[in-house]
C-alpha atoms as a PDB file:
ATOM      1  CA  MET A   1       0.000   0.000   0.000  1.00  0.00           C
ATOM      2  CA  THR A   2       1.123   3.574  -0.653  1.00  0.00           C
ATOM      3  CA  MET A   3       0.214   6.712   1.229  1.00  0.00           C
ATOM      4  CA  GLU A   4       0.812   9.966  -0.644  1.00  0.00           C
ATOM      5  CA  LEU A   5       0.719  13.407   0.913  1.00  0.00           C
ATOM      6  CA  CYS A   6      -1.592  15.757  -0.976  1.00  0.00           C
ATOM      7  CA  GLU A   7       0.678  18.748  -0.483  1.00  0.00           C
ATOM      8  CA  ARG A   8       4.383  19.048   0.103  1.00  0.00           C
ATOM      9  CA  PRO A   9       5.162  20.952   3.293  1.00  0.00           C
ATOM     10  CA  GLU A  10       7.231  24.127   3.133  1.00  0.00           C
ATOM     11  CA  ARG A  11      10.025  22.328   4.974  1.00  0.00           C
ATOM     12  CA  PRO A  12       9.996  18.865   3.366  1.00  0.00           C
ATOM     13  CA  GLY A  13      12.783  17.543   5.535  1.00  0.00           C
ATOM     14  CA  ALA A  14      10.702  18.132   8.627  1.00  0.00           C
ATOM     15  CA  GLY A  15       7.235  17.537   7.174  1.00  0.00           C
ATOM     16  CA  LEU A  16       7.597  14.245   5.340  1.00  0.00           C
ATOM     17  CA  ARG A  17       9.827  12.657   7.938  1.00  0.00           C
ATOM     18  CA  ALA A  18       7.600  13.827  10.791  1.00  0.00           C
ATOM     19  CA  ALA A  19       4.503  12.548   9.008  1.00  0.00           C
ATOM     20  CA  ALA A  20       6.125   9.162   8.398  1.00  0.00           C
ATOM     21  CA  GLU A  21       7.178   8.866  12.009  1.00  0.00           C
ATOM     22  CA  HIS A  22       3.561   9.338  13.104  1.00  0.00           C
ATOM     23  CA  VAL A  23       1.924   6.918  10.674  1.00  0.00           C
ATOM     24  CA  ASP A  24      -0.016   4.391  12.747  1.00  0.00           C
ATOM     25  CA  VAL A  25       0.703   0.951  11.273  1.00  0.00           C
ATOM     26  CA  PRO A  26       0.549  -2.620  12.614  1.00  0.00           C
ATOM     27  CA  GLU A  27       3.674  -4.093  14.148  1.00  0.00           C
ATOM     28  CA  GLY A  28       6.185  -5.254  11.564  1.00  0.00           C
ATOM     29  CA  TYR A  29       5.068  -2.880   8.810  1.00  0.00           C
ATOM     30  CA  LYS A  30       7.758  -0.826   7.079  1.00  0.00           C
ATOM     31  CA  VAL A  31       7.350   2.929   6.517  1.00  0.00           C
ATOM     32  CA  GLU A  32       9.542   4.735   3.959  1.00  0.00           C
ATOM     33  CA  VAL A  33       9.595   8.175   2.331  1.00  0.00           C
ATOM     34  CA  LEU A  34      10.428   8.049  -1.378  1.00  0.00           C
ATOM     35  CA  GLY A  35       9.834  10.694  -4.008  1.00  0.00           C
ATOM     36  CA  GLY A  36       7.332  12.723  -2.008  1.00  0.00           C
ATOM     37  CA  LYS A  37       5.300   9.694  -0.976  1.00  0.00           C
ATOM     38  CA  ILE A  38       5.024   7.702   2.207  1.00  0.00           C
ATOM     39  CA  TYR A  39       5.156   3.990   1.417  1.00  0.00           C
ATOM     40  CA  VAL A  40       3.733   1.548   3.944  1.00  0.00           C
ATOM     41  CA  THR A  41       4.659  -2.081   3.298  1.00  0.00           C
ATOM     42  CA  PRO A  42       3.154  -5.035   5.179  1.00  0.00           C
ATOM     43  CA  ALA A  43       5.397  -7.267   7.244  1.00  0.00           C
ATOM     44  CA  PRO A  44       7.323  -9.655   4.964  1.00  0.00           C
ATOM     45  CA  THR A  45       6.270 -13.273   4.568  1.00  0.00           C
ATOM     46  CA  PRO A  46       8.548 -16.157   5.581  1.00  0.00           C
ATOM     47  CA  LEU A  47       9.187 -16.876   1.886  1.00  0.00           C
ATOM     48  CA  HIS A  48      10.251 -13.265   1.323  1.00  0.00           C
ATOM     49  CA  ASN A  49      12.581 -13.451   4.316  1.00  0.00           C
ATOM     50  CA  LEU A  50      14.047 -16.750   3.086  1.00  0.00           C
ATOM     51  CA  ALA A  51      15.113 -15.073  -0.157  1.00  0.00           C
ATOM     52  CA  VAL A  52      16.775 -12.289   1.835  1.00  0.00           C
ATOM     53  CA  GLU A  53      18.527 -14.789   4.079  1.00  0.00           C
ATOM     54  CA  LEU A  54      19.902 -16.770   1.118  1.00  0.00           C
ATOM     55  CA  VAL A  55      21.526 -13.624  -0.262  1.00  0.00           C
ATOM     56  CA  TYR A  56      22.746 -12.576   3.188  1.00  0.00           C
ATOM     57  CA  ASP A  57      24.466 -15.917   3.796  1.00  0.00           C
ATOM     58  CA  GLN A  58      26.257 -15.823   0.441  1.00  0.00           C
ATOM     59  CA  LEU A  59      27.403 -12.241   0.841  1.00  0.00           C
ATOM     60  CA  ARG A  60      28.602 -12.893   4.391  1.00  0.00           C
ATOM     61  CA  ASP A  61      30.870 -15.681   3.120  1.00  0.00           C
ATOM     62  CA  ALA A  62      32.064 -13.916  -0.033  1.00  0.00           C
ATOM     63  CA  LEU A  63      32.671 -10.298   0.954  1.00  0.00           C
ATOM     64  CA  ARG A  64      36.171  -9.099   1.794  1.00  0.00           C
ATOM     65  CA  ASP A  65      37.959  -5.880   2.792  1.00  0.00           C
ATOM     66  CA  GLY A  66      35.721  -5.226   5.785  1.00  0.00           C
ATOM     67  CA  ARG A  67      32.478  -5.267   3.810  1.00  0.00           C
ATOM     68  CA  ARG A  68      29.503  -7.130   5.206  1.00  0.00           C
ATOM     69  CA  PRO A  69      25.784  -7.596   4.545  1.00  0.00           C
ATOM     70  CA  HIS A  70      23.517  -5.623   6.839  1.00  0.00           C
ATOM     71  CA  ALA A  71      19.751  -5.563   7.359  1.00  0.00           C
ATOM     72  CA  GLY A  72      17.297  -3.558   9.413  1.00  0.00           C
ATOM     73  CA  SER A  73      18.739  -0.045   9.143  1.00  0.00           C
ATOM     74  CA  SER A  74      17.456   2.966   7.239  1.00  0.00           C
ATOM     75  CA  VAL A  75      19.463   4.735   4.546  1.00  0.00           C
ATOM     76  CA  ALA A  76      19.080   8.314   3.344  1.00  0.00           C
ATOM     77  CA  PRO A  77      20.712  10.726   0.884  1.00  0.00           C
ATOM     78  CA  GLU A  78      22.539  13.878   1.844  1.00  0.00           C
ATOM     79  CA  PRO A  79      20.082  16.513   3.129  1.00  0.00           C
ATOM     80  CA  ASP A  80      19.257  19.538   1.028  1.00  0.00           C
ATOM     81  CA  PRO A  81      21.236  22.710   1.844  1.00  0.00           C
ATOM     82  CA  GLY A  82      19.889  24.329   4.978  1.00  0.00           C
ATOM     83  CA  GLU A  83      17.999  21.219   6.094  1.00  0.00           C
ATOM     84  CA  PRO A  84      19.065  19.250   9.186  1.00  0.00           C
ATOM     85  CA  GLU A  85      18.122  15.896   7.632  1.00  0.00           C
ATOM     86  CA  ALA A  86      17.089  14.410   4.309  1.00  0.00           C
ATOM     87  CA  SER A  87      13.407  14.448   3.436  1.00  0.00           C
ATOM     88  CA  GLU A  88      13.515  10.847   2.201  1.00  0.00           C
ATOM     89  CA  TYR A  89      14.712   7.536   3.551  1.00  0.00           C
ATOM     90  CA  ALA A  90      14.430   3.849   2.685  1.00  0.00           C
ATOM     91  CA  ILE A  91      14.765   0.599   4.582  1.00  0.00           C
ATOM     92  CA  PRO A  92      16.314  -1.914   2.168  1.00  0.00           C
ATOM     93  CA  ASP A  93      15.862  -5.611   2.755  1.00  0.00           C
ATOM     94  CA  LEU A  94      19.652  -5.830   2.702  1.00  0.00           C
ATOM     95  CA  MET A  95      22.676  -3.596   2.182  1.00  0.00           C
ATOM     96  CA  VAL A  96      26.385  -4.064   1.697  1.00  0.00           C
ATOM     97  CA  VAL A  97      28.466  -1.657   3.786  1.00  0.00           C
ATOM     98  CA  ASP A  98      31.884  -1.465   5.389  1.00  0.00           C
ATOM     99  CA  ARG A  99      31.774  -2.756   8.953  1.00  0.00           C
ATOM    100  CA  LYS A 100      33.425   0.394  10.294  1.00  0.00           C
ATOM    101  CA  GLU A 101      30.456   2.456   9.069  1.00  0.00           C
ATOM    102  CA  LEU A 102      28.157   0.408  11.316  1.00  0.00           C
ATOM    103  CA  LEU A 103      30.227   1.274  14.384  1.00  0.00           C
ATOM    104  CA  ARG A 104      29.455   4.986  14.132  1.00  0.00           C
ATOM    105  CA  ALA A 105      26.720   6.346  16.386  1.00  0.00           C
ATOM    106  CA  ARG A 106      24.042   7.581  13.991  1.00  0.00           C
ATOM    107  CA  PRO A 107      20.380   6.676  13.493  1.00  0.00           C
ATOM    108  CA  ILE A 108      20.457   6.385   9.687  1.00  0.00           C
ATOM    109  CA  LEU A 109      23.199   5.288   7.299  1.00  0.00           C
ATOM    110  CA  PRO A 110      24.158   7.808   4.616  1.00  0.00           C
ATOM    111  CA  ALA A 111      23.686   6.454   1.109  1.00  0.00           C
ATOM    112  CA  SER A 112      27.284   7.404   0.329  1.00  0.00           C
ATOM    113  CA  VAL A 113      28.602   4.446   2.393  1.00  0.00           C
ATOM    114  CA  VAL A 114      26.333   1.793   0.822  1.00  0.00           C
ATOM    115  CA  ASP A 115      27.885  -0.354  -1.931  1.00  0.00           C
ATOM    116  CA  MET A 116      24.701  -2.232  -2.825  1.00  0.00           C
ATOM    117  CA  ALA A 117      21.036  -2.226  -1.850  1.00  0.00           C
ATOM    118  CA  VAL A 118      18.987  -5.412  -2.183  1.00  0.00           C
ATOM    119  CA  GLU A 119      15.215  -5.720  -2.337  1.00  0.00           C
ATOM    120  CA  VAL A 120      12.972  -8.753  -2.669  1.00  0.00           C
ATOM    121  CA  VAL A 121       9.802  -7.795  -4.541  1.00  0.00           C
ATOM    122  CA  SER A 122       6.753  -7.804  -2.294  1.00  0.00           C
ATOM    123  CA  PRO A 123       3.437  -8.782  -3.920  1.00  0.00           C
ATOM    124  CA  SER A 124       1.881  -5.636  -2.452  1.00  0.00           C
ATOM    125  CA  THR A 125       4.500  -3.178  -3.775  1.00  0.00           C
ATOM    126  CA  PRO A 126       6.022  -4.460  -7.045  1.00  0.00           C
ATOM    127  CA  ARG A 127       6.094  -1.025  -8.687  1.00  0.00           C
ATOM    128  CA  LYS A 128       8.033   0.457  -5.777  1.00  0.00           C
ATOM    129  CA  ASP A 129      10.638  -2.295  -5.846  1.00  0.00           C
ATOM    130  CA  ARG A 130      11.029  -2.557  -9.640  1.00  0.00           C
ATOM    131  CA  GLU A 131      10.457   1.019 -10.855  1.00  0.00           C
ATOM    132  CA  VAL A 132      10.669   3.554  -8.033  1.00  0.00           C
ATOM    133  CA  LEU A 133      13.673   2.253  -6.122  1.00  0.00           C
ATOM    134  CA  PRO A 134      16.058   1.975  -9.107  1.00  0.00           C
ATOM    135  CA  GLU A 135      15.556   5.699  -9.709  1.00  0.00           C
ATOM    136  CA  VAL A 136      15.782   6.546  -6.011  1.00  0.00           C
ATOM    137  CA  TYR A 137      18.895   4.516  -5.234  1.00  0.00           C
ATOM    138  CA  ALA A 138      20.643   5.772  -8.376  1.00  0.00           C
ATOM    139  CA  SER A 139      19.859   9.398  -7.501  1.00  0.00           C
ATOM    140  CA  TRP A 140      21.274   8.771  -4.012  1.00  0.00           C
ATOM    141  CA  GLY A 141      24.534   7.472  -5.498  1.00  0.00           C
ATOM    142  CA  ILE A 142      24.310   3.799  -4.447  1.00  0.00           C
ATOM    143  CA  PRO A 143      26.525   1.937  -6.982  1.00  0.00           C
ATOM    144  CA  LEU A 144      24.499  -1.289  -7.227  1.00  0.00           C
ATOM    145  CA  TYR A 145      20.860  -2.218  -6.800  1.00  0.00           C
ATOM    146  CA  MET A 146      19.790  -5.871  -6.838  1.00  0.00           C
ATOM    147  CA  VAL A 147      16.089  -6.650  -7.055  1.00  0.00           C
ATOM    148  CA  ILE A 148      14.884 -10.230  -6.644  1.00  0.00           C
ATOM    149  CA  ASP A 149      11.433 -11.058  -8.013  1.00  0.00           C
ATOM    150  CA  PRO A 150       9.986 -14.352  -6.712  1.00  0.00           C
ATOM    151  CA  ARG A 151       6.819 -13.743  -8.741  1.00  0.00           C
ATOM    152  CA  CYS A 152       8.550 -14.503 -12.033  1.00  0.00           C
ATOM    153  CA  GLY A 153      11.742 -16.174 -10.833  1.00  0.00           C
ATOM    154  CA  ALA A 154      14.099 -13.429 -11.989  1.00  0.00           C
ATOM    155  CA  LEU A 155      16.811 -11.219 -10.543  1.00  0.00           C
ATOM    156  CA  ALA A 156      18.041  -7.887 -11.907  1.00  0.00           C
ATOM    157  CA  VAL A 157      21.235  -6.017 -11.072  1.00  0.00           C
ATOM    158  CA  HIS A 158      21.287  -2.288 -11.846  1.00  0.00           C
ATOM    159  CA  SER A 159      24.816  -0.927 -12.223  1.00  0.00           C
ATOM    160  CA  ASP A 160      27.165   1.444 -14.091  1.00  0.00           C
ATOM    161  CA  LEU A 161      26.022   4.511 -12.179  1.00  0.00           C
ATOM    162  CA  VAL A 162      26.622   7.723 -14.122  1.00  0.00           C
ATOM    163  CA  GLY A 163      25.044  11.099 -13.423  1.00  0.00           C
ATOM    164  CA  GLY A 164      22.524   9.723 -10.945  1.00  0.00           C
ATOM    165  CA  GLU A 165      21.269   6.993 -13.295  1.00  0.00           C
ATOM    166  CA  TYR A 166      22.012   3.303 -13.752  1.00  0.00           C
ATOM    167  CA  ARG A 167      23.104   2.688 -17.355  1.00  0.00           C
ATOM    168  CA  LEU A 168      23.105  -1.111 -17.180  1.00  0.00           C
ATOM    169  CA  LYS A 169      20.532  -3.655 -16.063  1.00  0.00           C
ATOM    170  CA  GLY A 170      21.522  -7.305 -16.060  1.00  0.00           C
ATOM    171  CA  THR A 171      18.605  -9.740 -15.814  1.00  0.00           C
ATOM    172  CA  HIS A 172      18.984 -13.371 -14.741  1.00  0.00           C
ATOM    173  CA  ARG A 173      16.602 -16.263 -14.252  1.00  0.00           C
ATOM    174  CA  PHE A 174      16.579 -18.172 -10.986  1.00  0.00           C
ATOM    175  CA  SER A 175      19.080 -21.073 -11.333  1.00  0.00           C
ATOM    176  CA  GLU A 176      21.623 -18.873 -13.157  1.00  0.00           C
ATOM    177  CA  PRO A 177      24.782 -17.638 -11.389  1.00  0.00           C
ATOM    178  CA  VAL A 178      24.890 -13.854 -11.000  1.00  0.00           C
ATOM    179  CA  PRO A 179      28.361 -12.269 -11.022  1.00  0.00           C
ATOM    180  CA  LEU A 180      28.270  -8.845  -9.397  1.00  0.00           C
ATOM    181  CA  PRO A 181      29.942  -5.852 -11.077  1.00  0.00           C
ATOM    182  CA  SER A 182      32.085  -3.161  -9.468  1.00  0.00           C
ATOM    183  CA  PRO A 183      32.448  -2.376  -6.610  1.00  0.00           C
ATOM    184  CA  LEU A 184      31.624  -5.995  -5.701  1.00  0.00           C
ATOM    185  CA  GLU A 185      33.407  -7.733  -8.557  1.00  0.00           C
ATOM    186  CA  GLY A 186      34.537 -11.243  -7.641  1.00  0.00           C
ATOM    187  CA  VAL A 187      31.269 -12.011  -5.812  1.00  0.00           C
ATOM    188  CA  THR A 188      28.809 -14.371  -7.516  1.00  0.00           C
ATOM    189  CA  ILE A 189      25.286 -15.033  -6.252  1.00  0.00           C
ATOM    190  CA  ASP A 190      23.929 -18.579  -6.573  1.00  0.00           C
ATOM    191  CA  THR A 191      20.189 -18.362  -7.313  1.00  0.00           C
ATOM    192  CA  SER A 192      19.511 -22.083  -7.641  1.00  0.00           C
ATOM    193  CA  GLU A 193      17.674 -22.286  -4.302  1.00  0.00           C
ATOM    194  CA  PHE A 194      15.789 -18.984  -4.507  1.00  0.00           C
ATOM    195  CA  PRO A 195      12.086 -19.525  -3.731  1.00  0.00           C
ATOM    196  CA  ARG A 196       9.150 -18.588  -5.956  1.00  0.00           C
ATOM    197  CA  TYR A 197       5.843 -17.126  -4.840  1.00  0.00           C
ATOM    198  CA  PRO A 198       3.122 -19.714  -5.517  1.00  0.00           C
ATOM    199  CA  GLY A 199       0.478 -18.863  -8.061  1.00  0.00           C
ATOM    200  CA  HIS A 200       2.424 -16.151  -9.885  1.00  0.00           C
ATOM    201  CA  TRP A 201       3.373 -15.873 -13.546  1.00  0.00           C
ATOM    202  CA  GLY A 202       6.765 -16.441 -15.107  1.00  0.00           C
END
């Protein structure tokens, strides 16, 4: 489900964030602010979480140079000039960051320290995951965005970030190995055990 504010407040950094913080949702729901909208996503299903865990386990074993997979934190771009905080933020299913960045005392990770964001498509918000987030994460400067779609059994990696846009999109079917590009070259994701949502096309 998506909640959209009818009017942008004069101070978007305060207004959108404050509105999101006061959205009354059931326990486990995720609230994000993306492109002037407040997105409210239901708690993930066990199958959704299994897909996240399979990627997490592989990244944990493959990453080097202090990088590690991380879940549960928010990420935001640099705030606009004169604003104390960014007007938008996201909560990726998974991120790749340097461990030392997680040791700093701050409530939200800056997008500038994230090497890759990972999302598993939720049946309730496919447009957000497949269309909105590639634009958002690219505009924030995140080098890689991986989106896993259990509806159709496919995985896409957006990369080659230039001028706030991803110029490449590599698409793979579940069962195919997925080599990651820079800055995570040398890491390959095995998709052979990725689950599919029952009753969906593809």
